[in-house]
Structures are given as C-alpha cells and as structure tokens.
Amino acid sequence: MTVDRASVMKLYSEDSSPFSAPVRVAIYAKGLSIGIEPPPGGLLSARFHAINSVGTIPCLILEDGTPLPESAAIIEYLEDKYPEPPLRPDGPEAKARVRLLQRIGELQIMIPLVELSRQADPARRDPSAAVWLTRLVRGLSSLQAYVGGEPFAAGPRLTLADCELAPALFMLPKIAAAYGKPALLEAYPPIGRYVASNSSHPAIRRVLEEMAPSWAFRAT
C-alpha cells in the first residue's frame, strides 16, 4: 500500500515552523505514515547541515536517503508520488489557479507575516516592517478576489492551495495586532469566510493545533 511505502520516508519539521506546516497538512490529508521529527541536533547544527546542505526545514528524506528541502517542492513531490486522495484539481485551468493561490499564500502572505513576526517587538522594529506590512495588505487584497465562495480555496475540496494558505492565515490575527491592526482580517470578509470554512478539515485543524502553542494561539 502507498502508506506502507511512505513510512520509510522522514520529514524534518518543527511545530513552530510556518513553512513546515503546509507539508504536514498534505501528509495528514493523504494519510501517509511519514515519520515527522525535529532536525537532528537542531536547525542550526552542523549535524543537520551535513544531512541537508540548504539548512532549512521542512526537509523530506526520500526512500533512498536523498534530502528534499523546500515546502513547495515537497508537497508537489508527495502529490505526484501519492496522487490519492488528490490535492490538485482536474484540468489545466484549475491546476493553474491552485498554483497561483499557493504563490499568493507563500510570497504575499506567509513570508511577510514571518518577517513581521520577527519585528513584533516595537523596540526591534526597523523601516522594513512598513514594507512587509504593505506587501501583506496587497496580498490579502489579491487573495480575497479568489476565495470565500467555496469551502476551500479552489472549490469544494482541499487542495495544495489550502495547505499553504490555512497555516499562513492562522498566524495573521496576532501578528497584525502587534502592529495595531487587530481587526485586519475583518476588512476582508471573503477571506474571513474562507478561514471559517477550511479550519473544519481534520488535516488543517490538526496542524493549526500543532502550531498554536508556539504562536501562543488557540485553534478555534
């Protein structure tokens, strides 16, 4: 069975890593028995860098021992290797929409939120924070044109777009509050509806509950 074959692989991940979260959503949604553990020796250790020269998580160790870093590469690999249940829709146009939403989620929402979280303390803030905040707002404005009319980002079922977007948007309220914008999500009702609908999916909910302690959130 697919799950048995997947069990020989291993994912290096941490609950606090927003970049690792999309991969775990995909793994849980597909029911893969891939071992998940922290990077050996710690993320910055020489031991981990000897395994993964990129030095980042997530990093999937393939069946032959080859390391595969980078969240987007990993979830595409898992989708190609284990296509059931599918996390990509049928048809080139629908697939293109999912890829677009993945890019918006990563580049315009996830990355700005991570950068803003590093400067959440006003005493450590520099002018780049304003740039990242502007990028985030533009990302949310772009996203709301695509979501909110269906339970998930690209239709009635979970896709790779949701794997990316759900963890990113989970981080949004608290980080926005640190910048004096606690009601930022309320300015984007379609996104609010999307967040409310997708969080009921078991794979998403499981990952949000894993993230919650590290980000001092409660998954609701």
N, C-alpha and C. Protein backbone atom coordinates (compact mmCIF):
# COMPACT_ATOMS: atom_id res chain seq x y z
N MET A 1 0.83 -1.21 0.00
CA MET A 1 0.00 0.00 0.00
C MET A 1 0.86 1.26 0.00
N THR A 2 0.31 2.34 -0.47
CA THR A 2 1.02 3.62 -0.51
C THR A 2 1.50 4.05 0.85
N VAL A 3 0.66 3.90 1.85
CA VAL A 3 1.02 4.36 3.18
C VAL A 3 2.22 3.62 3.71
N ASP A 4 2.29 2.28 3.44
CA ASP A 4 3.42 1.49 3.92
C ASP A 4 4.72 1.96 3.28
N ARG A 5 4.67 2.27 1.99
CA ARG A 5 5.88 2.75 1.31
C ARG A 5 6.28 4.12 1.85
N ALA A 6 5.32 4.94 2.15
CA ALA A 6 5.64 6.26 2.66
C ALA A 6 6.32 6.19 4.01
N SER A 7 6.10 5.10 4.75
CA SER A 7 6.61 5.02 6.11
C SER A 7 8.13 4.98 6.16
N VAL A 8 8.81 4.69 5.04
CA VAL A 8 10.26 4.67 5.06
C VAL A 8 10.84 6.07 4.89
N MET A 9 10.01 7.05 4.58
CA MET A 9 10.47 8.42 4.47
C MET A 9 10.35 9.13 5.81
N LYS A 10 11.02 10.27 5.91
CA LYS A 10 11.02 11.03 7.16
C LYS A 10 10.98 12.52 6.83
N LEU A 11 10.20 13.26 7.60
CA LEU A 11 10.13 14.71 7.43
C LEU A 11 10.75 15.38 8.64
N TYR A 12 11.74 16.23 8.40
CA TYR A 12 12.27 17.08 9.46
C TYR A 12 11.44 18.35 9.49
N SER A 13 10.86 18.62 10.64
CA SER A 13 9.89 19.70 10.79
C SER A 13 9.87 20.14 12.24
N GLU A 14 9.33 21.33 12.49
CA GLU A 14 9.07 21.81 13.84
C GLU A 14 7.69 22.44 13.86
N ASP A 15 6.97 22.26 14.96
CA ASP A 15 5.62 22.81 15.05
C ASP A 15 5.61 24.32 14.90
N SER A 16 6.71 24.98 15.30
CA SER A 16 6.78 26.44 15.24
C SER A 16 7.06 26.96 13.84
N SER A 17 7.42 26.08 12.91
CA SER A 17 7.82 26.50 11.56
C SER A 17 6.61 26.64 10.65
N PRO A 18 6.23 27.86 10.27
CA PRO A 18 5.10 28.02 9.35
C PRO A 18 5.37 27.45 7.97
N PHE A 19 6.65 27.35 7.60
CA PHE A 19 6.98 26.80 6.29
C PHE A 19 6.86 25.28 6.26
N SER A 20 6.94 24.65 7.44
CA SER A 20 6.76 23.20 7.52
C SER A 20 5.28 22.82 7.55
N ALA A 21 4.44 23.72 8.02
CA ALA A 21 3.02 23.41 8.22
C ALA A 21 2.32 22.93 6.94
N PRO A 22 2.53 23.54 5.77
CA PRO A 22 1.83 23.05 4.57
C PRO A 22 2.14 21.60 4.24
N VAL A 23 3.38 21.18 4.50
CA VAL A 23 3.74 19.80 4.22
C VAL A 23 3.01 18.85 5.15
N ARG A 24 2.90 19.22 6.41
CA ARG A 24 2.19 18.35 7.36
C ARG A 24 0.71 18.27 7.01
N VAL A 25 0.11 19.38 6.55
CA VAL A 25 -1.29 19.31 6.12
C VAL A 25 -1.43 18.28 5.00
N ALA A 26 -0.54 18.32 4.02
CA ALA A 26 -0.61 17.38 2.90
C ALA A 26 -0.43 15.94 3.37
N ILE A 27 0.53 15.72 4.27
CA ILE A 27 0.77 14.37 4.78
C ILE A 27 -0.45 13.83 5.51
N TYR A 28 -1.03 14.66 6.37
CA TYR A 28 -2.22 14.21 7.13
C TYR A 28 -3.42 14.00 6.21
N ALA A 29 -3.58 14.90 5.24
CA ALA A 29 -4.73 14.77 4.33
C ALA A 29 -4.65 13.50 3.50
N LYS A 30 -3.44 13.09 3.15
CA LYS A 30 -3.25 11.88 2.35
C LYS A 30 -3.16 10.62 3.19
N GLY A 31 -3.08 10.78 4.51
CA GLY A 31 -2.98 9.62 5.38
C GLY A 31 -1.66 8.90 5.27
N LEU A 32 -0.59 9.61 4.98
CA LEU A 32 0.72 9.00 4.82
C LEU A 32 1.40 8.81 6.18
N SER A 33 1.99 7.66 6.38
CA SER A 33 2.66 7.38 7.65
C SER A 33 4.14 7.76 7.56
N ILE A 34 4.39 9.01 7.23
CA ILE A 34 5.75 9.54 7.17
C ILE A 34 6.15 10.01 8.57
N GLY A 35 7.29 9.55 9.04
CA GLY A 35 7.77 9.99 10.34
C GLY A 35 8.07 11.48 10.33
N ILE A 36 7.69 12.16 11.39
CA ILE A 36 7.91 13.61 11.49
C ILE A 36 8.67 13.87 12.78
N GLU A 37 9.81 14.53 12.67
CA GLU A 37 10.64 14.79 13.85
C GLU A 37 11.46 16.05 13.66
N PRO A 38 11.97 16.63 14.75
CA PRO A 38 12.78 17.84 14.62
C PRO A 38 14.10 17.54 13.91
N PRO A 39 14.74 18.56 13.35
CA PRO A 39 16.04 18.34 12.71
C PRO A 39 17.06 17.86 13.74
N PRO A 40 17.79 16.81 13.46
CA PRO A 40 18.73 16.26 14.45
C PRO A 40 19.82 17.26 14.81
N GLY A 41 19.97 17.46 16.10
CA GLY A 41 20.97 18.42 16.57
C GLY A 41 20.48 19.85 16.59
N GLY A 42 19.28 20.10 16.04
CA GLY A 42 18.76 21.47 15.96
C GLY A 42 18.96 22.05 14.58
N LEU A 43 18.15 23.04 14.26
CA LEU A 43 18.13 23.59 12.91
C LEU A 43 19.48 24.15 12.48
N LEU A 44 20.20 24.76 13.40
CA LEU A 44 21.46 25.42 13.04
C LEU A 44 22.68 24.54 13.26
N SER A 45 22.48 23.28 13.58
CA SER A 45 23.59 22.41 13.94
C SER A 45 24.35 21.92 12.71
N ALA A 46 25.62 21.60 12.92
CA ALA A 46 26.42 21.02 11.86
C ALA A 46 25.89 19.65 11.47
N ARG A 47 25.31 18.95 12.43
CA ARG A 47 24.76 17.62 12.15
C ARG A 47 23.62 17.71 11.13
N PHE A 48 22.74 18.67 11.33
CA PHE A 48 21.64 18.80 10.37
C PHE A 48 22.13 19.31 9.03
N HIS A 49 23.07 20.23 9.03
CA HIS A 49 23.58 20.76 7.77
C HIS A 49 24.33 19.69 6.97
N ALA A 50 24.87 18.69 7.66
CA ALA A 50 25.50 17.59 6.94
C ALA A 50 24.46 16.73 6.22
N ILE A 51 23.24 16.74 6.74
CA ILE A 51 22.14 15.99 6.11
C ILE A 51 21.51 16.81 4.99
N ASN A 52 21.26 18.09 5.29
CA ASN A 52 20.58 18.99 4.36
C ASN A 52 21.43 20.24 4.20
N SER A 53 22.16 20.32 3.10
CA SER A 53 23.09 21.43 2.91
C SER A 53 22.38 22.77 2.80
N VAL A 54 21.10 22.77 2.44
CA VAL A 54 20.33 24.02 2.40
C VAL A 54 20.12 24.55 3.81
N GLY A 55 20.03 23.65 4.78
CA GLY A 55 19.96 24.04 6.18
C GLY A 55 18.61 24.55 6.65
N THR A 56 17.55 24.22 5.92
CA THR A 56 16.23 24.73 6.28
C THR A 56 15.25 23.57 6.51
N ILE A 57 14.18 23.89 7.21
CA ILE A 57 13.05 22.96 7.29
C ILE A 57 11.85 23.63 6.62
N PRO A 58 10.96 22.80 6.08
CA PRO A 58 10.94 21.35 6.13
C PRO A 58 11.98 20.72 5.20
N CYS A 59 12.32 19.49 5.51
CA CYS A 59 13.20 18.70 4.65
C CYS A 59 12.70 17.26 4.69
N LEU A 60 12.35 16.73 3.54
CA LEU A 60 11.87 15.36 3.44
C LEU A 60 13.03 14.46 3.03
N ILE A 61 13.25 13.40 3.80
CA ILE A 61 14.26 12.41 3.45
C ILE A 61 13.56 11.32 2.64
N LEU A 62 13.95 11.18 1.39
CA LEU A 62 13.30 10.24 0.48
C LEU A 62 13.68 8.80 0.80
N GLU A 63 13.05 7.88 0.09
CA GLU A 63 13.27 6.46 0.35
C GLU A 63 14.72 6.05 0.18
N ASP A 64 15.45 6.71 -0.73
CA ASP A 64 16.85 6.36 -0.95
C ASP A 64 17.80 7.19 -0.10
N GLY A 65 17.25 8.00 0.82
CA GLY A 65 18.08 8.81 1.71
C GLY A 65 18.38 10.20 1.20
N THR A 66 17.91 10.54 0.00
CA THR A 66 18.14 11.86 -0.56
C THR A 66 17.32 12.91 0.17
N PRO A 67 17.92 14.04 0.58
CA PRO A 67 17.14 15.10 1.20
C PRO A 67 16.43 15.96 0.16
N LEU A 68 15.17 16.26 0.42
CA LEU A 68 14.40 17.16 -0.45
C LEU A 68 13.90 18.31 0.42
N PRO A 69 14.57 19.48 0.37
CA PRO A 69 14.11 20.64 1.13
C PRO A 69 13.08 21.44 0.35
N GLU A 70 12.55 22.48 1.00
CA GLU A 70 11.63 23.46 0.42
C GLU A 70 10.20 22.91 0.37
N SER A 71 9.33 23.62 1.06
CA SER A 71 7.94 23.21 1.23
C SER A 71 7.23 22.96 -0.11
N ALA A 72 7.33 23.90 -1.04
CA ALA A 72 6.62 23.77 -2.32
C ALA A 72 7.08 22.54 -3.08
N ALA A 73 8.38 22.29 -3.07
CA ALA A 73 8.91 21.11 -3.77
C ALA A 73 8.42 19.83 -3.13
N ILE A 74 8.35 19.81 -1.80
CA ILE A 74 7.95 18.60 -1.09
C ILE A 74 6.49 18.27 -1.36
N ILE A 75 5.60 19.25 -1.25
CA ILE A 75 4.18 18.93 -1.43
C ILE A 75 3.86 18.55 -2.87
N GLU A 76 4.58 19.13 -3.83
CA GLU A 76 4.39 18.71 -5.22
C GLU A 76 4.89 17.28 -5.41
N TYR A 77 6.01 16.95 -4.79
CA TYR A 77 6.54 15.59 -4.88
C TYR A 77 5.56 14.59 -4.29
N LEU A 78 5.03 14.89 -3.10
CA LEU A 78 4.10 13.97 -2.46
C LEU A 78 2.83 13.80 -3.30
N GLU A 79 2.39 14.88 -3.92
CA GLU A 79 1.19 14.79 -4.77
C GLU A 79 1.46 13.92 -5.99
N ASP A 80 2.65 14.03 -6.57
CA ASP A 80 2.98 13.21 -7.74
C ASP A 80 3.16 11.74 -7.35
N LYS A 81 3.78 11.50 -6.22
CA LYS A 81 4.09 10.14 -5.80
C LYS A 81 2.88 9.42 -5.22
N TYR A 82 2.05 10.17 -4.50
CA TYR A 82 0.87 9.58 -3.85
C TYR A 82 -0.37 10.39 -4.27
N PRO A 83 -0.86 10.16 -5.48
CA PRO A 83 -1.93 11.02 -6.03
C PRO A 83 -3.31 10.82 -5.42
N GLU A 84 -3.47 9.83 -4.56
CA GLU A 84 -4.77 9.60 -3.93
C GLU A 84 -4.68 9.77 -2.42
N PRO A 85 -5.59 10.51 -1.83
CA PRO A 85 -6.59 11.36 -2.46
C PRO A 85 -5.93 12.58 -3.11
N PRO A 86 -6.46 13.06 -4.21
CA PRO A 86 -5.81 14.14 -4.94
C PRO A 86 -5.91 15.48 -4.22
N LEU A 87 -4.82 16.23 -4.26
CA LEU A 87 -4.80 17.60 -3.72
C LEU A 87 -4.60 18.61 -4.84
N ARG A 88 -4.74 18.14 -6.07
CA ARG A 88 -4.79 19.02 -7.23
C ARG A 88 -6.07 18.72 -7.97
N PRO A 89 -6.74 19.75 -8.51
CA PRO A 89 -7.98 19.51 -9.26
C PRO A 89 -7.68 19.01 -10.66
N ASP A 90 -8.71 18.65 -11.38
CA ASP A 90 -8.58 18.23 -12.77
C ASP A 90 -8.56 19.47 -13.67
N GLY A 91 -7.87 19.35 -14.79
CA GLY A 91 -7.89 20.41 -15.80
C GLY A 91 -6.78 21.41 -15.62
N PRO A 92 -6.19 21.89 -16.72
CA PRO A 92 -5.06 22.82 -16.64
C PRO A 92 -5.42 24.16 -16.01
N GLU A 93 -6.61 24.66 -16.26
CA GLU A 93 -7.00 25.96 -15.70
C GLU A 93 -7.15 25.86 -14.19
N ALA A 94 -7.80 24.79 -13.72
CA ALA A 94 -7.98 24.61 -12.28
C ALA A 94 -6.64 24.40 -11.59
N LYS A 95 -5.76 23.64 -12.22
CA LYS A 95 -4.42 23.43 -11.64
C LYS A 95 -3.66 24.75 -11.57
N ALA A 96 -3.79 25.57 -12.62
CA ALA A 96 -3.10 26.87 -12.62
C ALA A 96 -3.61 27.76 -11.50
N ARG A 97 -4.92 27.71 -11.23
CA ARG A 97 -5.46 28.52 -10.13
C ARG A 97 -4.89 28.08 -8.79
N VAL A 98 -4.77 26.78 -8.59
CA VAL A 98 -4.19 26.28 -7.34
C VAL A 98 -2.75 26.76 -7.20
N ARG A 99 -1.98 26.68 -8.29
CA ARG A 99 -0.59 27.15 -8.22
C ARG A 99 -0.52 28.65 -7.92
N LEU A 100 -1.42 29.42 -8.52
CA LEU A 100 -1.46 30.85 -8.25
C LEU A 100 -1.74 31.12 -6.78
N LEU A 101 -2.72 30.41 -6.22
CA LEU A 101 -3.07 30.62 -4.82
C LEU A 101 -1.94 30.17 -3.90
N GLN A 102 -1.22 29.13 -4.28
CA GLN A 102 -0.04 28.73 -3.50
C GLN A 102 0.99 29.85 -3.48
N ARG A 103 1.21 30.47 -4.61
CA ARG A 103 2.21 31.54 -4.70
C ARG A 103 1.77 32.76 -3.89
N ILE A 104 0.49 33.12 -4.00
CA ILE A 104 0.00 34.24 -3.19
C ILE A 104 0.17 33.92 -1.71
N GLY A 105 -0.18 32.70 -1.33
CA GLY A 105 -0.07 32.33 0.07
C GLY A 105 1.35 32.38 0.60
N GLU A 106 2.29 31.90 -0.19
CA GLU A 106 3.68 31.87 0.27
C GLU A 106 4.35 33.23 0.19
N LEU A 107 4.30 33.85 -1.00
CA LEU A 107 5.09 35.06 -1.24
C LEU A 107 4.45 36.33 -0.69
N GLN A 108 3.12 36.40 -0.71
CA GLN A 108 2.46 37.65 -0.33
C GLN A 108 1.82 37.61 1.06
N ILE A 109 1.72 36.41 1.64
CA ILE A 109 1.11 36.33 2.97
C ILE A 109 2.06 35.68 3.98
N MET A 110 2.50 34.45 3.70
CA MET A 110 3.35 33.75 4.65
C MET A 110 4.67 34.48 4.91
N ILE A 111 5.40 34.80 3.88
CA ILE A 111 6.71 35.43 4.07
C ILE A 111 6.57 36.80 4.75
N PRO A 112 5.66 37.69 4.32
CA PRO A 112 5.50 38.94 5.06
C PRO A 112 5.15 38.73 6.52
N LEU A 113 4.29 37.77 6.83
CA LEU A 113 3.93 37.53 8.22
C LEU A 113 5.12 37.05 9.04
N VAL A 114 5.93 36.18 8.47
CA VAL A 114 7.13 35.72 9.18
C VAL A 114 8.08 36.88 9.43
N GLU A 115 8.28 37.71 8.43
CA GLU A 115 9.18 38.86 8.60
C GLU A 115 8.61 39.84 9.63
N LEU A 116 7.30 40.05 9.60
CA LEU A 116 6.69 40.95 10.59
C LEU A 116 6.75 40.37 11.98
N SER A 117 6.65 39.05 12.10
CA SER A 117 6.73 38.43 13.44
C SER A 117 8.10 38.64 14.06
N ARG A 118 9.13 38.73 13.25
CA ARG A 118 10.49 38.94 13.76
C ARG A 118 10.68 40.35 14.31
N GLN A 119 9.78 41.25 13.93
CA GLN A 119 9.86 42.62 14.41
C GLN A 119 8.62 43.01 15.21
N ALA A 120 7.95 42.01 15.76
CA ALA A 120 6.72 42.29 16.51
C ALA A 120 6.96 43.21 17.70
N ASP A 121 8.13 43.10 18.31
CA ASP A 121 8.51 44.00 19.40
C ASP A 121 8.87 45.37 18.81
N PRO A 122 8.14 46.43 19.15
CA PRO A 122 8.44 47.75 18.57
C PRO A 122 9.88 48.19 18.78
N ALA A 123 10.51 47.73 19.86
CA ALA A 123 11.89 48.12 20.13
C ALA A 123 12.86 47.53 19.11
N ARG A 124 12.43 46.48 18.41
CA ARG A 124 13.31 45.82 17.44
C ARG A 124 12.89 46.12 16.01
N ARG A 125 12.00 47.06 15.82
CA ARG A 125 11.40 47.31 14.52
C ARG A 125 12.28 48.26 13.70
N ASP A 126 12.35 48.02 12.40
CA ASP A 126 13.08 48.93 11.51
C ASP A 126 12.18 49.29 10.33
N PRO A 127 12.62 50.17 9.43
CA PRO A 127 11.74 50.62 8.35
C PRO A 127 11.22 49.51 7.43
N SER A 128 11.89 48.39 7.40
CA SER A 128 11.43 47.31 6.52
C SER A 128 10.07 46.77 6.95
N ALA A 129 9.70 46.96 8.22
CA ALA A 129 8.40 46.47 8.69
C ALA A 129 7.26 47.10 7.90
N ALA A 130 7.37 48.38 7.59
CA ALA A 130 6.32 49.05 6.83
C ALA A 130 6.21 48.46 5.43
N VAL A 131 7.33 48.07 4.86
CA VAL A 131 7.34 47.46 3.53
C VAL A 131 6.64 46.11 3.57
N TRP A 132 6.96 45.32 4.60
CA TRP A 132 6.34 44.00 4.72
C TRP A 132 4.84 44.11 5.01
N LEU A 133 4.46 45.10 5.79
CA LEU A 133 3.04 45.28 6.08
C LEU A 133 2.28 45.67 4.81
N THR A 134 2.86 46.53 4.00
CA THR A 134 2.23 46.90 2.73
C THR A 134 2.10 45.70 1.81
N ARG A 135 3.14 44.88 1.78
CA ARG A 135 3.10 43.67 0.95
C ARG A 135 2.01 42.71 1.43
N LEU A 136 1.86 42.60 2.74
CA LEU A 136 0.82 41.73 3.29
C LEU A 136 -0.57 42.22 2.90
N VAL A 137 -0.81 43.51 3.05
CA VAL A 137 -2.12 44.07 2.71
C VAL A 137 -2.42 43.86 1.23
N ARG A 138 -1.44 44.04 0.39
CA ARG A 138 -1.66 43.80 -1.04
C ARG A 138 -1.95 42.33 -1.30
N GLY A 139 -1.28 41.45 -0.57
CA GLY A 139 -1.53 40.03 -0.72
C GLY A 139 -2.95 39.66 -0.32
N LEU A 140 -3.42 40.22 0.79
CA LEU A 140 -4.78 39.94 1.22
C LEU A 140 -5.79 40.48 0.22
N SER A 141 -5.52 41.65 -0.33
CA SER A 141 -6.41 42.21 -1.33
C SER A 141 -6.48 41.33 -2.57
N SER A 142 -5.34 40.76 -2.95
CA SER A 142 -5.31 39.84 -4.09
C SER A 142 -6.07 38.57 -3.77
N LEU A 143 -5.85 38.02 -2.58
CA LEU A 143 -6.44 36.75 -2.22
C LEU A 143 -7.96 36.81 -2.17
N GLN A 144 -8.51 37.90 -1.67
CA GLN A 144 -9.95 37.95 -1.49
C GLN A 144 -10.73 37.87 -2.80
N ALA A 145 -10.06 38.12 -3.91
CA ALA A 145 -10.72 38.00 -5.21
C ALA A 145 -10.93 36.55 -5.61
N TYR A 146 -10.25 35.62 -4.92
CA TYR A 146 -10.29 34.22 -5.32
C TYR A 146 -10.98 33.30 -4.33
N VAL A 147 -11.16 33.72 -3.07
CA VAL A 147 -11.68 32.80 -2.06
C VAL A 147 -12.96 33.34 -1.43
N GLY A 148 -13.63 32.45 -0.69
CA GLY A 148 -14.79 32.86 0.07
C GLY A 148 -16.11 32.36 -0.47
N GLY A 149 -16.14 31.91 -1.73
CA GLY A 149 -17.38 31.43 -2.30
C GLY A 149 -17.55 29.93 -2.20
N GLU A 150 -16.48 29.22 -1.85
CA GLU A 150 -16.49 27.77 -1.71
C GLU A 150 -15.87 27.41 -0.37
N PRO A 151 -16.08 26.18 0.10
CA PRO A 151 -15.48 25.79 1.38
C PRO A 151 -13.96 25.87 1.39
N PHE A 152 -13.34 25.63 0.22
CA PHE A 152 -11.88 25.66 0.15
C PHE A 152 -11.45 26.64 -0.95
N ALA A 153 -10.16 26.87 -1.03
CA ALA A 153 -9.66 27.96 -1.88
C ALA A 153 -9.99 27.77 -3.35
N ALA A 154 -9.97 26.52 -3.81
CA ALA A 154 -10.17 26.28 -5.24
C ALA A 154 -11.40 25.44 -5.52
N GLY A 155 -12.34 25.41 -4.59
CA GLY A 155 -13.56 24.64 -4.84
C GLY A 155 -14.05 23.91 -3.61
N PRO A 156 -14.75 22.80 -3.80
CA PRO A 156 -15.41 22.11 -2.69
C PRO A 156 -14.51 21.18 -1.90
N ARG A 157 -13.27 20.96 -2.35
CA ARG A 157 -12.40 20.04 -1.60
C ARG A 157 -11.00 20.64 -1.40
N LEU A 158 -10.31 20.07 -0.45
CA LEU A 158 -8.97 20.52 -0.08
C LEU A 158 -7.99 20.36 -1.25
N THR A 159 -7.15 21.38 -1.45
CA THR A 159 -6.09 21.29 -2.45
C THR A 159 -4.79 21.80 -1.84
N LEU A 160 -3.73 21.75 -2.65
CA LEU A 160 -2.44 22.25 -2.20
C LEU A 160 -2.50 23.73 -1.85
N ALA A 161 -3.43 24.45 -2.44
CA ALA A 161 -3.59 25.87 -2.10
C ALA A 161 -3.96 26.04 -0.64
N ASP A 162 -4.86 25.20 -0.15
CA ASP A 162 -5.26 25.27 1.26
C ASP A 162 -4.13 24.86 2.19
N CYS A 163 -3.32 23.90 1.75
CA CYS A 163 -2.17 23.51 2.55
C CYS A 163 -1.28 24.71 2.85
N GLU A 164 -1.15 25.60 1.88
CA GLU A 164 -0.32 26.80 2.03
C GLU A 164 -1.05 27.92 2.76
N LEU A 165 -2.29 28.17 2.37
CA LEU A 165 -3.00 29.34 2.87
C LEU A 165 -3.45 29.21 4.33
N ALA A 166 -3.96 28.05 4.71
CA ALA A 166 -4.54 27.91 6.04
C ALA A 166 -3.54 28.20 7.16
N PRO A 167 -2.32 27.64 7.14
CA PRO A 167 -1.37 27.99 8.20
C PRO A 167 -0.97 29.46 8.20
N ALA A 168 -0.84 30.04 7.01
CA ALA A 168 -0.46 31.45 6.93
C ALA A 168 -1.52 32.34 7.55
N LEU A 169 -2.77 32.11 7.19
CA LEU A 169 -3.85 32.95 7.70
C LEU A 169 -4.09 32.73 9.18
N PHE A 170 -3.73 31.55 9.70
CA PHE A 170 -3.83 31.29 11.13
C PHE A 170 -2.93 32.24 11.92
N MET A 171 -1.79 32.60 11.36
CA MET A 171 -0.84 33.48 12.02
C MET A 171 -1.27 34.95 11.99
N LEU A 172 -2.15 35.28 11.06
CA LEU A 172 -2.44 36.68 10.77
C LEU A 172 -2.96 37.49 11.95
N PRO A 173 -4.00 37.05 12.69
CA PRO A 173 -4.59 37.96 13.69
C PRO A 173 -3.62 38.46 14.74
N LYS A 174 -2.82 37.57 15.31
CA LYS A 174 -1.94 38.02 16.39
C LYS A 174 -0.81 38.92 15.87
N ILE A 175 -0.25 38.57 14.72
CA ILE A 175 0.82 39.40 14.17
C ILE A 175 0.29 40.76 13.78
N ALA A 176 -0.89 40.80 13.18
CA ALA A 176 -1.49 42.09 12.83
C ALA A 176 -1.76 42.92 14.07
N ALA A 177 -2.17 42.27 15.15
CA ALA A 177 -2.44 43.00 16.40
C ALA A 177 -1.19 43.67 16.94
N ALA A 178 -0.03 43.05 16.74
CA ALA A 178 1.22 43.63 17.20
C ALA A 178 1.55 44.92 16.47
N TYR A 179 0.92 45.12 15.33
CA TYR A 179 1.14 46.34 14.54
C TYR A 179 -0.07 47.28 14.61
N GLY A 180 -0.89 47.09 15.63
CA GLY A 180 -2.04 47.97 15.84
C GLY A 180 -3.19 47.73 14.91
N LYS A 181 -3.26 46.53 14.31
CA LYS A 181 -4.32 46.21 13.37
C LYS A 181 -5.00 44.89 13.78
N PRO A 182 -5.58 44.83 14.97
CA PRO A 182 -6.19 43.57 15.44
C PRO A 182 -7.37 43.11 14.61
N ALA A 183 -8.02 44.02 13.92
CA ALA A 183 -9.20 43.66 13.12
C ALA A 183 -8.88 43.60 11.62
N LEU A 184 -7.62 43.38 11.27
CA LEU A 184 -7.23 43.41 9.86
C LEU A 184 -8.02 42.40 9.03
N LEU A 185 -8.21 41.21 9.55
CA LEU A 185 -8.92 40.19 8.78
C LEU A 185 -10.37 40.59 8.51
N GLU A 186 -10.96 41.37 9.42
CA GLU A 186 -12.35 41.79 9.23
C GLU A 186 -12.53 42.70 8.02
N ALA A 187 -11.43 43.28 7.56
CA ALA A 187 -11.50 44.12 6.36
C ALA A 187 -11.62 43.30 5.08
N TYR A 188 -11.51 41.99 5.21
CA TYR A 188 -11.55 41.10 4.04
C TYR A 188 -12.55 39.98 4.30
N PRO A 189 -13.86 40.29 4.22
CA PRO A 189 -14.89 39.28 4.55
C PRO A 189 -14.77 37.97 3.77
N PRO A 190 -14.43 37.98 2.47
CA PRO A 190 -14.30 36.69 1.79
C PRO A 190 -13.22 35.80 2.42
N ILE A 191 -12.13 36.42 2.87
CA ILE A 191 -11.07 35.63 3.50
C ILE A 191 -11.53 35.12 4.85
N GLY A 192 -12.28 35.95 5.58
CA GLY A 192 -12.82 35.51 6.85
C GLY A 192 -13.72 34.30 6.69
N ARG A 193 -14.56 34.31 5.66
CA ARG A 193 -15.43 33.16 5.39
C ARG A 193 -14.61 31.94 5.02
N TYR A 194 -13.56 32.15 4.26
CA TYR A 194 -12.69 31.04 3.87
C TYR A 194 -12.01 30.42 5.09
N VAL A 195 -11.49 31.25 5.97
CA VAL A 195 -10.84 30.75 7.17
C VAL A 195 -11.81 29.94 8.02
N ALA A 196 -13.03 30.43 8.16
CA ALA A 196 -14.02 29.74 8.97
C ALA A 196 -14.38 28.38 8.39
N SER A 197 -14.43 28.28 7.07
CA SER A 197 -14.86 27.03 6.45
C SER A 197 -13.74 25.99 6.38
N ASN A 198 -12.51 26.43 6.09
CA ASN A 198 -11.46 25.42 5.89
C ASN A 198 -10.92 24.85 7.19
N SER A 199 -11.07 25.58 8.29
CA SER A 199 -10.50 25.13 9.56
C SER A 199 -11.19 23.90 10.12
N SER A 200 -12.32 23.51 9.53
CA SER A 200 -13.01 22.31 10.00
C SER A 200 -12.42 21.03 9.40
N HIS A 201 -11.57 21.17 8.38
CA HIS A 201 -10.97 19.98 7.78
C HIS A 201 -10.02 19.33 8.79
N PRO A 202 -10.08 18.02 8.99
CA PRO A 202 -9.26 17.38 10.02
C PRO A 202 -7.76 17.62 9.87
N ALA A 203 -7.24 17.60 8.64
CA ALA A 203 -5.81 17.79 8.45
C ALA A 203 -5.40 19.22 8.79
N ILE A 204 -6.20 20.19 8.38
CA ILE A 204 -5.90 21.59 8.71
C ILE A 204 -6.01 21.81 10.21
N ARG A 205 -7.07 21.32 10.80
CA ARG A 205 -7.25 21.54 12.24
C ARG A 205 -6.10 20.93 13.04
N ARG A 206 -5.66 19.75 12.63
CA ARG A 206 -4.55 19.10 13.34
C ARG A 206 -3.30 19.96 13.30
N VAL A 207 -2.99 20.51 12.13
CA VAL A 207 -1.78 21.33 12.00
C VAL A 207 -1.93 22.64 12.77
N LEU A 208 -3.10 23.27 12.73
CA LEU A 208 -3.30 24.51 13.49
C LEU A 208 -3.15 24.26 14.98
N GLU A 209 -3.61 23.12 15.45
CA GLU A 209 -3.45 22.78 16.88
C GLU A 209 -1.99 22.55 17.22
N GLU A 210 -1.22 22.02 16.27
CA GLU A 210 0.22 21.85 16.49
C GLU A 210 0.94 23.20 16.54
N MET A 211 0.51 24.11 15.68
CA MET A 211 1.14 25.44 15.63
C MET A 211 0.79 26.30 16.83
N ALA A 212 -0.40 26.10 17.37
CA ALA A 212 -0.96 27.03 18.37
C ALA A 212 -0.04 27.32 19.55
N PRO A 213 0.55 26.30 20.21
CA PRO A 213 1.38 26.63 21.37
C PRO A 213 2.59 27.51 21.03
N SER A 214 3.22 27.24 19.90
CA SER A 214 4.42 28.00 19.53
C SER A 214 4.09 29.45 19.20
N TRP A 215 2.88 29.68 18.65
CA TRP A 215 2.50 31.02 18.26
C TRP A 215 1.55 31.66 19.27
N ALA A 216 1.37 30.99 20.42
CA ALA A 216 0.51 31.50 21.51
C ALA A 216 -0.90 31.76 21.01
N PHE A 217 -1.39 30.87 20.16
CA PHE A 217 -2.75 30.96 19.65
C PHE A 217 -3.56 29.80 20.19
N ARG A 218 -4.85 29.90 20.01
CA ARG A 218 -5.75 28.77 20.24
C ARG A 218 -6.47 28.50 18.94
N ALA A 219 -6.42 27.25 18.49
CA ALA A 219 -7.12 26.87 17.26
C ALA A 219 -8.60 26.79 17.56
N THR A 220 -9.40 27.62 16.88
CA THR A 220 -10.83 27.65 17.15
C THR A 220 -11.61 27.23 15.92
